[in-house]
Protein backbone atom coordinates (compact mmCIF):
# COMPACT_ATOMS: atom_id res chain seq x y z
CA MET A 1 -21.32 -8.64 62.90
CA ARG A 2 -24.79 -10.48 63.44
CA THR A 3 -26.80 -7.24 63.87
CA LYS A 4 -25.00 -5.80 60.71
CA THR A 5 -25.85 -9.06 58.92
CA VAL A 6 -29.56 -8.65 59.68
CA PHE A 7 -29.93 -4.81 59.13
CA ILE A 8 -28.51 -6.01 55.93
CA GLY A 9 -30.81 -8.69 54.98
CA ILE A 10 -34.19 -6.48 56.05
CA ALA A 11 -32.61 -3.42 53.90
CA VAL A 12 -32.21 -6.07 51.12
CA LEU A 13 -35.79 -7.67 51.81
CA GLY A 14 -37.07 -3.95 51.99
CA LEU A 15 -35.82 -3.28 49.00
CA LEU A 16 -37.06 -6.28 47.12
CA GLY A 17 -40.34 -5.46 48.32
CA LEU A 18 -40.43 -1.91 47.28
CA VAL A 19 -39.39 -3.18 43.72
CA PHE A 20 -42.16 -5.94 43.79
CA PHE A 21 -44.68 -3.23 44.68
CA LEU A 22 -43.41 -0.82 42.18
CA GLY A 23 -42.93 -3.40 39.65
CA ASN A 24 -46.40 -4.35 40.31
CA SER A 25 -47.88 -0.76 40.26
CA PHE A 26 -46.44 -0.35 36.93
CA ALA A 27 -47.50 -3.57 35.20
CA GLY A 28 -51.21 -2.48 36.60
CA GLN A 29 -50.61 0.99 34.91
CA GLN A 30 -49.31 -0.20 31.65
CA LYS A 31 -52.23 -3.08 32.28
CA GLY A 32 -54.74 -0.21 31.90
CA SER A 33 -53.15 1.55 29.33
CA ASN A 34 -52.99 -1.51 27.10
CA ALA A 35 -56.88 -1.71 27.80
CA ASN A 36 -56.94 1.83 26.80
CA ASN A 37 -54.84 1.61 23.80
CA VAL A 38 -56.82 -1.19 22.45
CA GLN A 39 -60.56 0.41 23.11
CA ILE A 40 -58.95 3.36 20.25
CA GLN A 41 -57.64 1.11 18.21
CA ARG A 42 -60.92 -0.54 17.92
CA GLY A 43 -62.68 2.81 17.66
CA GLU A 44 -60.14 3.74 14.85
CA TYR A 45 -61.01 0.45 13.30
CA LEU A 46 -64.70 1.33 13.83
CA VAL A 47 -64.59 4.49 12.26
CA THR A 48 -62.36 3.61 9.13
CA PHE A 49 -64.51 0.63 8.45
CA GLY A 50 -67.78 2.64 9.45
CA GLY A 51 -66.65 5.33 6.55
CA CYS A 52 -66.81 8.18 8.69
CA HIS A 53 -63.87 9.61 6.57
CA ASP A 54 -66.33 9.39 3.27
CA CYS A 55 -68.28 12.24 4.43
CA HIS A 56 -66.19 13.91 7.73
CA SER A 57 -63.24 14.48 6.04
CA PRO A 58 -62.31 17.25 3.88
CA LYS A 59 -60.73 15.89 0.62
CA ILE A 60 -57.76 16.62 -1.49
CA PHE A 61 -57.97 15.27 -5.27
CA THR A 62 -55.41 12.75 -6.29
CA PRO A 63 -55.05 11.02 -9.88
CA GLN A 64 -56.76 7.79 -8.28
CA GLY A 65 -59.70 10.24 -6.95
CA PRO A 66 -60.32 12.41 -3.94
CA GLN A 67 -58.64 11.33 -0.48
CA PRO A 68 -59.16 12.19 3.09
CA ASP A 69 -56.94 15.21 3.37
CA PRO A 70 -54.58 13.92 6.37
CA ALA A 71 -54.22 17.60 8.07
CA ARG A 72 -58.25 17.76 8.81
CA LEU A 73 -59.29 14.47 9.22
CA LEU A 74 -62.69 13.88 10.59
CA SER A 75 -62.81 17.90 10.63
CA GLY A 76 -65.96 18.36 8.99
CA HIS A 77 -67.29 20.22 6.05
CA PRO A 78 -64.77 22.90 5.75
CA ALA A 79 -66.18 26.46 7.44
CA GLY A 80 -66.32 29.41 4.69
CA THR A 81 -66.51 27.14 1.63
CA LYS A 82 -68.61 28.58 -1.36
CA LEU A 83 -71.35 26.16 -2.12
CA PRO A 84 -72.10 25.55 -5.50
CA GLU A 85 -75.50 26.68 -7.02
CA ILE A 86 -78.54 24.01 -6.61
CA PRO A 87 -80.81 23.51 -9.77
CA GLN A 88 -84.33 24.50 -8.73
CA GLY A 89 -86.59 21.34 -9.11
CA ILE A 90 -83.77 18.59 -9.00
CA ILE A 91 -84.76 17.11 -5.98
CA GLY A 92 -88.09 15.25 -5.70
CA SER A 93 -89.59 11.78 -5.73
CA ASP A 94 -89.91 11.66 -9.05
CA LYS A 95 -86.34 13.30 -9.61
CA TRP A 96 -83.24 12.92 -7.76
CA GLY A 97 -82.91 12.20 -4.35
CA GLY A 98 -79.99 13.63 -3.38
CA LEU A 99 -76.86 15.75 -4.20
CA THR A 100 -73.50 16.26 -2.96
CA THR A 101 -70.33 18.54 -3.31
CA ASN A 102 -67.28 16.89 -4.71
CA ASP A 103 -65.86 16.33 -1.17
CA LEU A 104 -68.95 14.95 0.19
CA THR A 105 -68.84 17.35 3.13
CA VAL A 106 -72.24 18.60 1.86
CA TRP A 107 -75.38 16.94 0.97
CA VAL A 108 -78.84 18.28 -0.30
CA GLY A 109 -81.80 16.48 -0.64
CA PRO A 110 -85.69 16.65 0.49
CA TRP A 111 -84.63 17.76 3.82
CA GLY A 112 -82.84 20.41 3.15
CA VAL A 113 -78.72 20.81 3.07
CA SER A 114 -76.92 18.82 5.53
CA PHE A 115 -73.04 19.92 6.46
CA SER A 116 -70.73 17.07 7.74
CA ALA A 117 -69.99 17.62 11.38
CA ASN A 118 -66.43 18.15 13.04
CA LEU A 119 -65.99 15.23 15.18
CA THR A 120 -62.23 16.25 16.44
CA PRO A 121 -62.10 17.07 20.08
CA ASP A 122 -61.72 21.08 19.22
CA ALA A 123 -64.04 22.46 22.45
CA GLU A 124 -65.43 25.08 20.86
CA THR A 125 -66.41 23.91 17.12
CA GLY A 126 -66.26 20.39 17.42
CA LEU A 127 -67.01 17.55 20.23
CA GLY A 128 -64.00 18.39 22.82
CA ASN A 129 -66.64 19.19 25.19
CA TRP A 130 -69.09 15.93 24.40
CA THR A 131 -69.07 13.34 27.13
CA ASP A 132 -69.39 9.82 26.24
CA ASP A 133 -73.24 9.68 27.19
CA MET A 134 -73.60 12.68 25.18
CA PHE A 135 -72.48 10.96 22.23
CA ILE A 136 -73.92 7.92 22.75
CA LYS A 137 -77.45 9.12 23.20
CA ALA A 138 -76.60 11.26 20.15
CA VAL A 139 -76.51 8.36 18.40
CA ARG A 140 -78.62 6.60 19.64
CA THR A 141 -81.81 9.42 19.22
CA GLY A 142 -80.53 10.64 16.02
CA LYS A 143 -80.52 14.24 18.20
CA HIS A 144 -77.69 16.72 18.21
CA VAL A 145 -75.73 16.10 21.64
CA GLY A 146 -78.47 13.59 22.25
CA VAL A 147 -81.59 16.66 22.96
CA GLY A 148 -81.17 19.04 20.02
CA ARG A 149 -82.05 19.32 16.59
CA ASP A 150 -82.46 15.84 14.50
CA ILE A 151 -79.36 14.75 13.01
CA LEU A 152 -79.72 14.94 9.60
CA PRO A 153 -79.09 12.15 6.08
CA PRO A 154 -76.51 11.19 4.77
CA MET A 155 -75.40 10.00 8.68
CA PRO A 156 -76.74 6.45 9.36
CA TRP A 157 -77.48 6.96 13.03
CA TYR A 158 -79.87 4.38 12.97
CA ASP A 159 -77.51 2.02 11.88
CA ILE A 160 -74.61 3.01 14.35
CA ALA A 161 -76.89 3.16 17.00
CA LYS A 162 -77.08 -0.50 16.82
CA LEU A 163 -73.83 -0.88 18.13
CA ASN A 164 -73.26 -1.86 21.55
CA ASP A 165 -72.34 0.39 24.04
CA GLY A 166 -68.40 -0.58 23.98
CA ASP A 167 -67.87 0.16 20.32
CA LEU A 168 -69.36 3.41 20.49
CA LYS A 169 -67.50 4.18 23.70
CA ALA A 170 -64.32 3.33 21.57
CA ILE A 171 -65.32 5.32 18.84
CA PHE A 172 -65.61 8.22 21.01
CA ALA A 173 -62.27 7.20 22.78
CA TYR A 174 -60.34 7.36 19.12
CA LEU A 175 -62.19 10.60 17.97
CA ARG A 176 -60.80 12.21 21.90
CA THR A 177 -56.78 11.37 20.22
CA LEU A 178 -57.50 13.19 17.03
CA LYS A 179 -55.72 16.52 16.20
CA PRO A 180 -58.08 19.09 17.44
CA ILE A 181 -59.68 21.38 14.51
CA LYS A 182 -60.94 24.73 14.86
CA ASN A 183 -63.42 24.27 12.09
CA ARG A 184 -66.99 25.73 12.68
CA VAL A 185 -69.65 23.94 10.49
CA PRO A 186 -72.82 25.91 9.21
CA ASP A 187 -75.73 24.78 10.45
CA PRO A 188 -78.13 22.79 8.14
CA ILE A 189 -80.36 24.97 5.75
CA PRO A 190 -84.00 24.06 5.94
CA PRO A 191 -85.94 22.81 2.40
CA SER A 192 -86.81 26.07 0.42
CA GLY A 193 -89.25 24.20 -1.71
CA ARG A 194 -87.02 24.73 -4.40
CA LEU A 195 -84.78 21.90 -4.67
């Protein structure tokens, strides 16, 4: 009888130990995912407050004016969209400094024509193959992928570059949670001298 009681006691202690171990392990996972969720929420806040949707999200037109299209958030200038004609001689030091399309995804200025980038995690046409380091380097240097062509106006990379690494990683973490949207944005068009 005593052996049976000791055996039950050891089994109960073992079971309690297992529950305690699994409970702590689960709590650790929850804490880690909460920290990740906090980072993602911070990124969403910074993207929203920073006005990223203003240029990087195609718009739908409502009675209140243009609004980001929820089906194409942060997917950049819609590929294949026909651009309106740019009047000759409208851009210059004594003229207009810039023009934009109605949905704010294309900008024209002395730098040429720039198209808002696809920030979704699509591997082929967006940021899907980028790393944290590539994203931070691009924002800090004003170079595409951190080493390529210049990031053109109106992208305020020089202001975003002042954010700390934690905030930039939070922005990138949030961008990775978006629905990937296949949308190959055109390359910038250099100035032609006719603007």
